[in-house]
N, C-alpha and C. Protein backbone atom coordinates (compact mmCIF):
# COMPACT_ATOMS: atom_id res chain seq x y z
N MET A 1 -20.54 2.21 15.93
CA MET A 1 -19.78 2.15 16.96
C MET A 1 -20.16 2.37 18.15
N ALA A 2 -19.40 1.49 19.26
CA ALA A 2 -20.10 1.71 20.25
C ALA A 2 -19.46 2.90 21.41
N ASP A 3 -18.95 3.79 20.93
CA ASP A 3 -18.39 4.93 21.40
C ASP A 3 -18.69 6.16 20.26
N ASN A 4 -18.68 6.88 20.92
CA ASN A 4 -19.34 8.09 19.81
C ASN A 4 -18.13 8.81 18.98
N THR A 5 -17.28 7.68 18.66
CA THR A 5 -16.32 8.27 17.86
C THR A 5 -16.77 8.63 16.29
N GLU A 6 -16.67 9.34 15.52
CA GLU A 6 -17.14 9.13 14.25
C GLU A 6 -16.42 7.53 13.07
N PRO A 7 -16.52 7.34 12.75
CA PRO A 7 -15.79 6.16 11.99
C PRO A 7 -14.67 6.33 11.13
N HIS A 8 -14.50 7.37 10.72
CA HIS A 8 -13.46 8.16 9.90
C HIS A 8 -12.66 8.23 10.98
N GLN A 9 -12.40 8.49 12.22
CA GLN A 9 -11.52 9.54 13.01
C GLN A 9 -11.23 8.30 13.79
N ALA A 10 -12.32 7.15 13.96
CA ALA A 10 -11.73 6.31 14.79
C ALA A 10 -10.49 5.79 14.38
N SER A 11 -9.78 4.60 15.20
CA SER A 11 -8.65 4.16 15.40
C SER A 11 -8.61 2.75 14.36
N ASP A 12 -7.31 2.12 13.78
CA ASP A 12 -7.73 1.10 13.68
C ASP A 12 -8.12 0.17 13.87
N GLU A 13 -7.48 0.15 15.72
CA GLU A 13 -7.91 -0.68 16.70
C GLU A 13 -9.69 -0.85 16.77
N ASN A 14 -9.95 0.10 16.83
CA ASN A 14 -11.06 0.48 17.01
C ASN A 14 -12.24 -0.02 15.74
N LEU A 15 -11.30 0.27 14.61
CA LEU A 15 -12.57 -0.52 13.94
C LEU A 15 -12.51 -1.58 13.44
N VAL A 16 -11.39 -2.26 14.08
CA VAL A 16 -11.09 -3.71 13.45
C VAL A 16 -12.08 -4.58 14.21
N ALA A 17 -11.95 -4.20 15.87
CA ALA A 17 -13.07 -4.39 17.03
C ALA A 17 -14.65 -4.46 16.68
N CYS A 18 -14.87 -3.54 15.96
CA CYS A 18 -16.37 -2.80 15.52
C CYS A 18 -16.61 -3.97 14.80
N SER A 19 -15.46 -4.05 13.54
CA SER A 19 -15.77 -5.07 12.38
C SER A 19 -16.16 -6.69 12.42
N ARG A 20 -14.77 -6.83 13.63
CA ARG A 20 -15.36 -8.41 14.59
C ARG A 20 -16.45 -8.13 14.95
N GLN A 21 -17.38 -7.58 15.53
CA GLN A 21 -18.45 -7.58 15.88
C GLN A 21 -19.72 -7.65 14.93
N GLY A 22 -19.32 -7.65 13.02
CA GLY A 22 -20.17 -7.64 12.47
C GLY A 22 -20.58 -6.02 11.60
N ASP A 23 -19.75 -5.46 12.12
CA ASP A 23 -20.23 -3.83 11.97
C ASP A 23 -19.42 -3.70 10.41
N LYS A 24 -19.98 -3.58 9.03
CA LYS A 24 -19.36 -3.79 7.61
C LYS A 24 -19.32 -2.31 7.76
N ALA A 25 -20.05 -1.50 8.35
CA ALA A 25 -19.29 -0.20 7.82
C ALA A 25 -18.04 0.39 8.28
N CYS A 26 -17.86 -0.01 9.91
CA CYS A 26 -15.96 -0.02 9.99
C CYS A 26 -15.08 -0.88 9.26
N PHE A 27 -15.37 -2.24 8.94
CA PHE A 27 -14.68 -2.65 7.58
C PHE A 27 -14.31 -1.67 6.41
N GLY A 28 -15.78 -1.10 6.24
CA GLY A 28 -15.70 -0.54 5.00
C GLY A 28 -14.64 1.26 5.34
N VAL A 29 -14.59 1.51 6.60
CA VAL A 29 -13.87 2.68 6.79
C VAL A 29 -12.21 2.21 6.48
N LEU A 30 -12.19 0.84 6.94
CA LEU A 30 -10.13 0.54 6.85
C LEU A 30 -10.53 0.35 5.44
N VAL A 31 -11.29 -0.10 4.64
CA VAL A 31 -10.72 -0.20 2.87
C VAL A 31 -11.06 1.14 2.34
N GLU A 32 -11.02 2.42 2.86
CA GLU A 32 -11.46 3.70 2.25
C GLU A 32 -9.83 4.10 2.68
N ARG A 33 -9.43 3.90 4.04
CA ARG A 33 -8.05 4.24 4.70
C ARG A 33 -7.34 3.75 3.80
N TYR A 34 -7.06 2.09 3.53
CA TYR A 34 -5.63 1.42 2.97
C TYR A 34 -6.30 1.24 1.76
N TRP A 35 -7.02 1.45 1.18
CA TRP A 35 -7.19 1.11 -0.59
C TRP A 35 -5.78 1.57 -1.22
N ASN A 36 -5.89 2.53 -1.12
CA ASN A 36 -4.89 3.03 -2.54
C ASN A 36 -2.98 2.63 -2.09
N MET A 37 -3.33 2.14 -0.96
CA MET A 37 -1.86 1.60 -0.22
C MET A 37 -1.77 0.07 -0.88
N ALA A 38 -3.08 -0.50 -0.67
CA ALA A 38 -3.04 -2.08 -1.40
C ALA A 38 -3.01 -2.13 -2.83
N VAL A 39 -3.32 -1.50 -3.27
CA VAL A 39 -3.41 -0.78 -5.14
C VAL A 39 -1.92 -0.69 -5.17
N ALA A 40 -0.91 0.32 -4.34
CA ALA A 40 0.52 0.65 -4.89
C ALA A 40 1.34 -0.65 -4.54
N MET A 41 0.72 -1.26 -3.50
CA MET A 41 1.79 -2.53 -3.31
C MET A 41 1.45 -3.61 -4.35
N ALA A 42 0.30 -3.64 -4.97
CA ALA A 42 -0.02 -4.69 -5.92
C ALA A 42 0.80 -4.13 -7.14
N MET A 43 0.55 -2.86 -7.32
CA MET A 43 1.33 -2.25 -8.74
C MET A 43 2.57 -2.34 -8.90
N THR A 44 3.08 -2.30 -7.36
CA THR A 44 4.86 -2.70 -7.89
C THR A 44 5.00 -3.55 -8.63
N ARG A 45 4.09 -4.97 -8.54
CA ARG A 45 4.45 -6.19 -9.12
C ARG A 45 3.63 -5.75 -10.53
N THR A 46 2.97 -6.08 -10.53
CA THR A 46 2.18 -6.30 -11.49
C THR A 46 2.17 -5.30 -13.14
N GLN A 47 2.28 -3.96 -12.65
CA GLN A 47 2.47 -3.01 -13.30
C GLN A 47 1.18 -2.71 -14.37
N ASN A 48 0.43 -3.03 -13.66
CA ASN A 48 -1.32 -3.40 -14.02
C ASN A 48 -2.07 -2.90 -13.63
N LEU A 49 -2.85 -2.12 -13.53
CA LEU A 49 -3.71 -0.90 -12.36
C LEU A 49 -5.08 -2.08 -12.32
N THR A 50 -5.64 -2.48 -13.29
CA THR A 50 -6.86 -3.53 -13.51
C THR A 50 -6.11 -4.88 -12.03
N GLN A 51 -5.36 -5.36 -12.67
CA GLN A 51 -4.76 -6.46 -11.94
C GLN A 51 -4.72 -6.19 -10.19
N ALA A 52 -3.87 -5.35 -9.81
CA ALA A 52 -3.14 -4.63 -8.82
C ALA A 52 -5.27 -4.20 -7.92
N GLU A 53 -6.07 -3.86 -8.52
CA GLU A 53 -7.34 -3.43 -8.19
C GLU A 53 -7.78 -4.76 -7.43
N ASP A 54 -7.92 -5.93 -8.34
CA ASP A 54 -8.41 -7.47 -8.47
C ASP A 54 -7.41 -7.72 -7.19
N ILE A 55 -6.76 -7.39 -7.14
CA ILE A 55 -5.56 -7.99 -6.02
C ILE A 55 -6.30 -7.69 -4.56
N ALA A 56 -6.41 -6.13 -4.25
CA ALA A 56 -6.44 -5.32 -3.55
C ALA A 56 -7.48 -5.88 -3.02
N GLN A 57 -8.49 -6.15 -4.06
CA GLN A 57 -10.36 -6.46 -3.17
C GLN A 57 -9.84 -7.64 -2.94
N GLU A 58 -9.00 -9.00 -3.28
CA GLU A 58 -9.09 -10.63 -3.16
C GLU A 58 -8.51 -9.84 -1.25
N SER A 59 -7.54 -8.92 -1.61
CA SER A 59 -6.70 -8.86 -0.34
C SER A 59 -7.07 -8.05 0.63
N PHE A 60 -8.59 -7.64 0.77
CA PHE A 60 -9.39 -7.28 1.63
C PHE A 60 -10.40 -8.20 2.29
N LEU A 61 -11.03 -8.89 1.05
CA LEU A 61 -12.01 -9.96 1.37
C LEU A 61 -10.81 -10.84 2.47
N ARG A 62 -9.85 -11.40 2.26
CA ARG A 62 -9.40 -12.26 2.68
C ARG A 62 -9.48 -12.17 4.24
N ALA A 63 -8.28 -10.74 4.01
CA ALA A 63 -8.48 -9.66 5.59
C ALA A 63 -10.11 -9.70 6.30
N TYR A 64 -11.39 -9.41 5.71
CA TYR A 64 -12.20 -9.63 6.60
C TYR A 64 -12.29 -10.89 7.03
N ILE A 65 -12.13 -11.88 5.95
CA ILE A 65 -12.70 -13.31 6.65
C ILE A 65 -11.49 -14.15 7.39
N HIS A 66 -10.43 -13.38 7.68
CA HIS A 66 -9.54 -13.81 8.53
C HIS A 66 -9.74 -12.58 9.83
N LEU A 67 -10.28 -11.66 9.76
CA LEU A 67 -9.78 -10.70 10.89
C LEU A 67 -9.99 -10.96 12.14
N HIS A 68 -10.42 -12.48 12.55
CA HIS A 68 -10.33 -13.37 13.65
C HIS A 68 -8.64 -13.63 14.33
N THR A 69 -7.99 -13.44 13.41
CA THR A 69 -6.59 -13.83 13.50
C THR A 69 -5.65 -12.90 13.66
N LEU A 70 -6.35 -11.59 13.53
CA LEU A 70 -5.19 -10.35 13.85
C LEU A 70 -4.84 -10.67 15.00
N LYS A 71 -3.82 -10.55 15.26
CA LYS A 71 -3.36 -10.99 16.95
C LYS A 71 -3.24 -9.64 17.35
N LYS A 72 -2.84 -8.53 17.16
CA LYS A 72 -3.09 -6.89 17.38
C LYS A 72 -3.40 -6.16 16.04
N PRO A 73 -4.42 -5.91 16.73
CA PRO A 73 -5.62 -4.77 15.60
C PRO A 73 -5.03 -3.19 15.37
N SER A 74 -3.45 -2.93 16.11
CA SER A 74 -3.46 -1.18 16.07
C SER A 74 -2.51 -1.62 14.84
N ARG A 75 -2.16 -3.03 14.25
CA ARG A 75 -1.42 -3.18 13.55
C ARG A 75 -1.89 -3.56 11.99
N PHE A 76 -3.16 -2.88 11.48
CA PHE A 76 -3.98 -3.81 10.63
C PHE A 76 -3.61 -3.60 9.19
N ALA A 77 -2.75 -2.13 9.04
CA ALA A 77 -2.33 -2.05 7.81
C ALA A 77 -0.73 -2.84 7.66
N GLY A 78 -0.04 -2.86 8.50
CA GLY A 78 1.06 -4.11 8.04
C GLY A 78 0.38 -5.34 7.91
N TRP A 79 -0.29 -6.16 8.73
CA TRP A 79 -1.37 -7.03 8.42
C TRP A 79 -1.73 -7.33 7.35
N LEU A 80 -2.23 -6.32 6.55
CA LEU A 80 -2.60 -6.24 5.32
C LEU A 80 -1.94 -5.93 4.47
N GLY A 81 -0.71 -5.46 4.49
CA GLY A 81 0.33 -5.25 3.61
C GLY A 81 0.97 -6.72 3.20
N SER A 82 1.09 -7.51 4.37
CA SER A 82 1.51 -8.70 4.51
C SER A 82 0.35 -9.56 3.34
N ILE A 83 -0.72 -9.46 3.14
CA ILE A 83 -1.65 -10.20 2.70
C ILE A 83 -2.06 -10.07 0.98
N VAL A 84 -1.80 -8.68 1.02
CA VAL A 84 -1.73 -8.22 0.08
C VAL A 84 -0.31 -8.44 -1.03
N LEU A 85 1.07 -9.17 -0.58
CA LEU A 85 2.17 -9.45 -0.81
C LEU A 85 1.87 -10.52 -1.12
N ARG A 86 1.30 -11.51 -0.52
CA ARG A 86 0.63 -13.03 -0.81
C ARG A 86 -0.24 -13.50 -1.47
N GLU A 87 -0.90 -12.12 -1.97
CA GLU A 87 -1.87 -12.25 -3.00
C GLU A 87 -1.18 -11.97 -4.27
N VAL A 88 -0.65 -10.98 -4.03
CA VAL A 88 0.61 -10.91 -5.98
C VAL A 88 1.22 -12.03 -5.93
N ALA A 89 2.05 -12.88 -5.55
CA ALA A 89 2.49 -14.10 -5.54
C ALA A 89 1.73 -14.91 -6.11
N ASN A 90 0.46 -15.12 -5.19
CA ASN A 90 -0.58 -16.07 -5.84
C ASN A 90 -0.99 -15.94 -7.00
N SER A 91 -0.93 -14.36 -7.21
CA SER A 91 -1.67 -14.03 -8.62
C SER A 91 -0.53 -14.39 -9.55
N GLY A 92 0.25 -14.08 -9.30
CA GLY A 92 1.55 -14.10 -10.36
C GLY A 92 1.72 -15.60 -10.75
N ARG A 93 1.52 -16.86 -9.81
CA ARG A 93 1.64 -18.22 -9.99
C ARG A 93 0.36 -18.56 -10.48
N ARG A 94 -1.07 -17.77 -10.38
CA ARG A 94 -1.71 -18.38 -11.91
C ARG A 94 -2.35 -17.64 -13.29
N VAL A 95 -1.01 -16.50 -13.44
CA VAL A 95 -0.98 -16.41 -14.22
C VAL A 95 -0.24 -16.96 -15.35
N ARG A 96 0.73 -17.16 -14.68
CA ARG A 96 2.16 -18.15 -14.87
C ARG A 96 1.20 -19.59 -15.73
N ARG A 97 0.21 -20.48 -14.69
CA ARG A 97 -0.45 -21.47 -14.89
C ARG A 97 -1.00 -21.35 -16.01
N GLU A 98 -1.83 -20.14 -16.71
CA GLU A 98 -2.78 -19.87 -17.49
C GLU A 98 -1.99 -19.15 -18.78
N ARG A 99 -0.52 -19.08 -18.77
CA ARG A 99 0.24 -18.11 -19.69
C ARG A 99 -0.43 -17.47 -20.43
N GLN A 100 -0.61 -16.29 -19.57
CA GLN A 100 -1.33 -15.05 -19.91
C GLN A 100 -0.11 -13.83 -19.15
N VAL A 101 0.90 -14.00 -19.04
CA VAL A 101 2.05 -13.29 -18.77
C VAL A 101 1.92 -12.04 -19.72
N SER A 102 2.32 -10.91 -19.05
CA SER A 102 2.24 -9.35 -19.98
C SER A 102 3.26 -8.83 -18.95
N ILE A 103 4.04 -8.36 -19.81
CA ILE A 103 5.19 -6.97 -18.97
C ILE A 103 4.59 -5.61 -19.70
N SER A 104 3.23 -5.58 -20.35
CA SER A 104 3.13 -4.32 -20.62
C SER A 104 2.57 -3.46 -19.26
N VAL A 105 2.54 -1.83 -19.45
CA VAL A 105 1.70 -1.24 -18.63
C VAL A 105 0.55 -0.74 -19.25
N ASP A 106 -0.01 -1.16 -18.00
CA ASP A 106 -1.97 -0.88 -18.87
C ASP A 106 -2.18 0.49 -19.09
N PRO A 107 -2.52 0.68 -20.15
CA PRO A 107 -2.86 2.32 -20.23
C PRO A 107 -3.94 3.10 -19.59
N ASP A 108 -4.37 2.35 -18.91
CA ASP A 108 -5.47 2.92 -17.62
C ASP A 108 -4.46 3.41 -16.93
N VAL A 109 -3.41 2.98 -16.17
CA VAL A 109 -2.68 3.65 -15.08
C VAL A 109 -1.59 4.62 -15.79
N LEU A 110 -1.71 5.16 -17.08
CA LEU A 110 -0.96 6.73 -17.37
C LEU A 110 -2.02 7.26 -17.67
N ASN A 111 -3.41 7.04 -17.84
CA ASN A 111 -4.69 7.83 -17.74
C ASN A 111 -5.08 8.43 -16.65
N ARG A 112 -4.32 7.77 -15.57
CA ARG A 112 -5.32 7.75 -14.15
C ARG A 112 -5.11 9.68 -13.99
N PRO A 113 -6.00 10.34 -12.77
CA PRO A 113 -5.69 11.90 -12.70
C PRO A 113 -5.16 11.71 -11.32
N ALA A 114 -4.32 13.18 -12.11
CA ALA A 114 -2.87 13.23 -10.90
C ALA A 114 -3.02 13.85 -9.56
N ALA A 115 -4.42 13.75 -8.83
CA ALA A 115 -4.89 14.33 -7.95
C ALA A 115 -5.04 12.97 -6.65
N GLN A 116 -4.55 11.48 -7.02
CA GLN A 116 -5.13 10.59 -6.34
C GLN A 116 -3.84 10.79 -4.74
N ALA A 117 -4.30 10.12 -3.86
CA ALA A 117 -3.83 10.38 -2.38
C ALA A 117 -2.52 10.11 -2.30
N GLY A 118 -1.30 10.68 -2.07
CA GLY A 118 -0.27 10.63 -2.02
C GLY A 118 0.49 10.61 -3.22
N GLU A 119 0.05 11.43 -4.26
CA GLU A 119 0.71 11.74 -5.73
C GLU A 119 0.58 13.10 -5.77
N ASN A 120 1.79 13.89 -6.04
CA ASN A 120 2.37 15.09 -6.36
C ASN A 120 1.20 15.68 -7.97
N PRO A 121 0.52 16.34 -7.60
CA PRO A 121 -0.39 16.62 -8.54
C PRO A 121 0.76 17.46 -9.61
N GLY A 122 1.58 17.93 -9.68
CA GLY A 122 2.27 18.44 -10.46
C GLY A 122 3.53 17.90 -11.23
N LEU A 123 3.46 16.05 -11.16
CA LEU A 123 4.10 15.54 -11.67
C LEU A 123 3.09 15.34 -13.09
N THR A 124 3.74 14.64 -14.10
CA THR A 124 3.23 14.62 -15.45
C THR A 124 2.89 12.83 -15.09
N GLU A 125 2.19 12.79 -16.26
CA GLU A 125 1.88 11.06 -15.89
C GLU A 125 2.76 9.90 -16.58
N GLN A 126 3.98 10.95 -17.35
CA GLN A 126 5.40 10.06 -17.58
C GLN A 126 5.74 9.98 -16.23
N HIS A 127 6.22 10.86 -15.52
CA HIS A 127 7.38 11.16 -14.29
C HIS A 127 6.17 10.08 -13.42
N ARG A 128 4.95 9.61 -13.10
CA ARG A 128 4.51 8.47 -12.70
C ARG A 128 4.84 7.43 -13.03
N ALA A 129 4.83 6.82 -13.77
CA ALA A 129 4.94 5.86 -14.64
C ALA A 129 6.55 5.96 -14.52
N ILE A 130 7.09 5.86 -14.34
CA ILE A 130 8.36 6.33 -13.97
C ILE A 130 9.31 6.07 -12.45
N ILE A 131 8.02 6.89 -11.32
CA ILE A 131 8.25 6.10 -10.13
C ILE A 131 7.77 5.15 -9.56
N ARG A 132 6.74 4.77 -10.27
CA ARG A 132 5.99 2.97 -10.05
C ARG A 132 6.79 2.25 -10.35
N GLU A 133 7.60 2.33 -11.86
CA GLU A 133 8.63 1.23 -12.35
C GLU A 133 9.31 1.36 -11.15
N ALA A 134 10.59 2.41 -11.12
CA ALA A 134 11.33 2.64 -10.04
C ALA A 134 10.96 2.06 -8.74
N VAL A 135 10.19 2.23 -8.00
CA VAL A 135 9.78 1.66 -6.83
C VAL A 135 9.60 0.03 -6.68
N GLY A 136 9.17 -0.25 -8.00
CA GLY A 136 8.65 -1.95 -8.34
C GLY A 136 9.82 -2.38 -7.93
N ARG A 137 10.83 -1.96 -8.42
CA ARG A 137 12.47 -2.61 -8.62
C ARG A 137 12.83 -2.31 -7.08
N LEU A 138 13.01 -1.87 -5.98
CA LEU A 138 13.32 -1.38 -4.70
C LEU A 138 13.08 -3.62 -4.13
N PRO A 139 13.91 -3.33 -3.21
CA PRO A 139 13.88 -4.73 -2.57
C PRO A 139 12.39 -4.99 -1.68
N GLU A 140 11.70 -5.84 -1.84
CA GLU A 140 10.43 -5.74 -0.93
C GLU A 140 10.63 -5.13 0.19
N LYS A 141 11.44 -5.17 1.01
CA LYS A 141 11.06 -4.16 2.89
C LYS A 141 11.12 -2.95 2.32
N TYR A 142 12.47 -2.37 1.42
CA TYR A 142 11.99 -1.23 1.03
C TYR A 142 10.61 -0.58 0.50
N ARG A 143 10.18 -1.18 -0.36
CA ARG A 143 8.97 -1.25 -1.16
C ARG A 143 7.70 -0.50 -0.21
N ALA A 144 7.84 -1.89 0.61
CA ALA A 144 6.73 -1.57 1.64
C ALA A 144 6.51 -0.26 2.63
N VAL A 145 7.72 0.37 3.14
CA VAL A 145 8.05 1.36 3.84
C VAL A 145 7.87 2.23 2.83
N VAL A 146 7.83 2.30 1.47
CA VAL A 146 7.90 3.88 0.78
C VAL A 146 6.71 3.49 0.42
N ILE A 147 5.70 2.80 0.22
CA ILE A 147 4.95 2.69 0.05
C ILE A 147 3.49 3.25 1.13
N MET A 148 4.19 3.02 2.37
CA MET A 148 3.12 3.28 3.79
C MET A 148 3.60 4.55 3.65
N ARG A 149 4.45 5.05 3.26
CA ARG A 149 5.38 6.71 3.72
C ARG A 149 4.69 7.51 2.57
N PHE A 150 4.75 7.02 1.49
CA PHE A 150 4.23 8.29 0.49
C PHE A 150 2.99 7.96 -0.50
N VAL A 151 2.74 6.89 0.14
CA VAL A 151 0.85 6.70 -0.38
C VAL A 151 0.03 7.06 0.17
N THR A 152 0.05 6.09 1.34
CA THR A 152 -0.62 6.54 2.75
C THR A 152 -0.40 7.63 3.35
N GLY A 153 0.55 8.46 3.14
CA GLY A 153 1.34 9.12 4.53
C GLY A 153 0.95 9.07 6.06
N MET A 154 1.80 7.83 6.27
CA MET A 154 1.73 7.13 7.52
C MET A 154 3.22 8.32 8.03
N PRO A 155 3.41 8.66 9.03
CA PRO A 155 4.30 9.18 9.56
C PRO A 155 5.65 7.96 9.74
N VAL A 156 6.65 7.63 9.97
CA VAL A 156 7.82 6.75 10.26
C VAL A 156 7.20 6.34 11.55
N THR A 157 7.13 6.55 12.29
CA THR A 157 6.67 5.45 13.70
C THR A 157 5.49 5.05 13.99
N GLN A 158 4.52 5.24 12.99
CA GLN A 158 3.02 4.78 12.63
C GLN A 158 3.39 3.37 11.37
N ILE A 159 4.30 4.10 10.37
CA ILE A 159 5.06 2.46 9.97
C ILE A 159 6.02 2.20 11.06
N ALA A 160 6.52 2.04 11.63
CA ALA A 160 7.41 1.38 12.87
C ALA A 160 5.96 0.61 13.30
N GLU A 161 5.34 1.16 14.25
CA GLU A 161 4.40 0.17 14.45
C GLU A 161 3.35 -0.84 13.93
N GLN A 162 3.12 -0.39 12.70
CA GLN A 162 2.54 -1.33 12.23
C GLN A 162 3.27 -2.19 11.76
N LEU A 163 4.25 -1.97 11.05
CA LEU A 163 5.04 -3.59 10.57
C LEU A 163 6.03 -4.04 12.16
N GLY A 164 5.78 -3.43 13.10
CA GLY A 164 6.52 -4.13 14.53
C GLY A 164 8.25 -4.19 14.47
N MET A 165 8.38 -2.70 13.96
CA MET A 165 9.98 -2.82 13.98
C MET A 165 10.27 -0.92 14.66
N ARG A 166 11.36 -1.14 15.15
CA ARG A 166 12.13 0.71 15.79
C ARG A 166 12.05 1.21 14.60
N ALA A 167 11.27 2.87 14.91
CA ALA A 167 11.27 3.74 13.98
C ALA A 167 12.63 4.43 13.08
N GLY A 168 13.89 3.95 13.63
CA GLY A 168 15.18 4.25 13.53
C GLY A 168 15.41 3.17 12.04
N THR A 169 14.90 2.39 12.41
CA THR A 169 14.92 1.17 11.34
C THR A 169 14.11 1.41 10.06
N VAL A 170 12.60 1.98 10.43
CA VAL A 170 12.01 2.85 8.88
C VAL A 170 13.20 3.73 8.72
N ARG A 171 13.24 4.51 8.99
CA ARG A 171 14.22 5.77 8.66
C ARG A 171 15.02 4.75 8.06
N ILE A 172 15.89 4.32 8.54
CA ILE A 172 17.15 4.35 7.31
C ILE A 172 17.03 3.10 5.94
N TRP A 173 15.56 2.63 6.20
CA TRP A 173 15.28 1.49 5.15
C TRP A 173 14.49 2.52 3.98
N LEU A 174 14.08 3.62 4.54
CA LEU A 174 13.36 4.64 3.66
C LEU A 174 14.96 5.63 3.07
N HIS A 175 15.82 6.44 3.98
CA HIS A 175 16.68 6.82 3.27
C HIS A 175 17.44 5.48 2.16
N ARG A 176 17.56 4.78 2.38
CA ARG A 176 18.54 3.93 1.70
C ARG A 176 17.05 3.89 0.11
N ALA A 177 15.93 3.49 -0.14
CA ALA A 177 15.44 3.29 -0.74
C ALA A 177 15.39 4.76 -1.32
N CYS A 178 15.89 5.71 -0.82
CA CYS A 178 15.41 7.21 -1.90
C CYS A 178 17.05 7.21 -2.32
N GLN A 179 17.95 6.72 -1.52
CA GLN A 179 18.81 7.12 -2.17
C GLN A 179 19.32 5.88 -3.61
N THR A 180 18.60 5.21 -3.52
CA THR A 180 18.61 4.57 -4.88
C THR A 180 17.73 4.77 -5.79
N LEU A 181 16.58 5.33 -5.45
CA LEU A 181 15.65 6.06 -6.42
C LEU A 181 16.00 7.00 -6.82
N ARG A 182 16.62 8.11 -5.81
CA ARG A 182 17.45 9.47 -6.72
C ARG A 182 18.92 8.65 -8.03
N LYS A 183 18.80 7.57 -8.02
CA LYS A 183 19.64 7.19 -8.95
C LYS A 183 19.10 7.36 -10.31
N GLU A 184 17.54 6.81 -10.27
CA GLU A 184 16.90 6.30 -10.93
C GLU A 184 16.06 7.75 -11.55
N ILE A 185 15.60 8.05 -10.73
CA ILE A 185 14.65 9.53 -10.99
C ILE A 185 15.45 11.00 -10.47
N PRO A 186 16.39 10.86 -10.31
CA PRO A 186 17.35 12.38 -9.80
C PRO A 186 16.47 13.87 -9.44
N PRO A 187 15.59 14.05 -10.51
CA PRO A 187 14.84 15.51 -10.14
C PRO A 187 13.53 15.46 -9.23
N LEU A 188 12.95 14.27 -9.18
CA LEU A 188 11.94 13.82 -8.82
C LEU A 188 11.64 13.71 -7.29
N LEU A 189 12.62 13.40 -6.55
CA LEU A 189 12.93 13.55 -4.78
C LEU A 189 14.36 14.47 -4.59
N GLU A 190 14.43 15.44 -5.53
CA GLU A 190 15.24 16.76 -4.46
C GLU A 190 15.12 17.16 -2.82
N GLU A 191 13.50 17.09 -3.00
CA GLU A 191 12.87 17.94 -1.58
C GLU A 191 11.83 16.29 -0.89
N VAL A 192 12.79 15.33 -0.98
CA VAL A 192 11.73 14.39 -0.14
C VAL A 192 12.27 14.17 1.43
N ASP A 193 11.13 14.64 2.35
CA ASP A 193 10.77 14.51 3.46
C ASP A 193 10.87 12.93 4.34
N LEU A 194 11.78 12.69 5.06
CA LEU A 194 11.38 11.36 5.26
C LEU A 194 11.25 11.50 7.31
N SER A 195 10.73 12.61 7.79
CA SER A 195 10.57 12.97 9.18
C SER A 195 9.05 11.94 9.46
């Protein structure tokens, strides 16, 4: 990087600028930073970890190729999220064309270690599966803010910045999403912090 900032501590804006100059290590930091978010967004639709990881990988590839089109580098996460959602839709069309539709949950999803970023290690594998399915049933706009808040740990103000909206709107969407989720998974959302 041009300045003396450690790549892992650099802002998204600096990492995008560095990546645009051909530094693949800077883009690697962006991948590390947002991998869990991309996989989680894909998982809510596919319910298949392998497919979700493939979609995340394809999304990062597309993001790297089209990085020059990103108008606001500080909003990389929101831009990446929209790419992931397009890739999920494209993947769904490919699957339907190939007639390989599967509605079962991949067993690998239930065997993942509990200490993944954004996950509560006190939850059982069954609880995590229930949560993923419930989040997957949320409307698209709520799903994105829930994943950004609880998987990547972004504060509301940063989510609002990434999505180009007001923090108050993000709080309202999180509140409504949590109300919906409380109906399906009441004991698991007793102490949700929306700040």
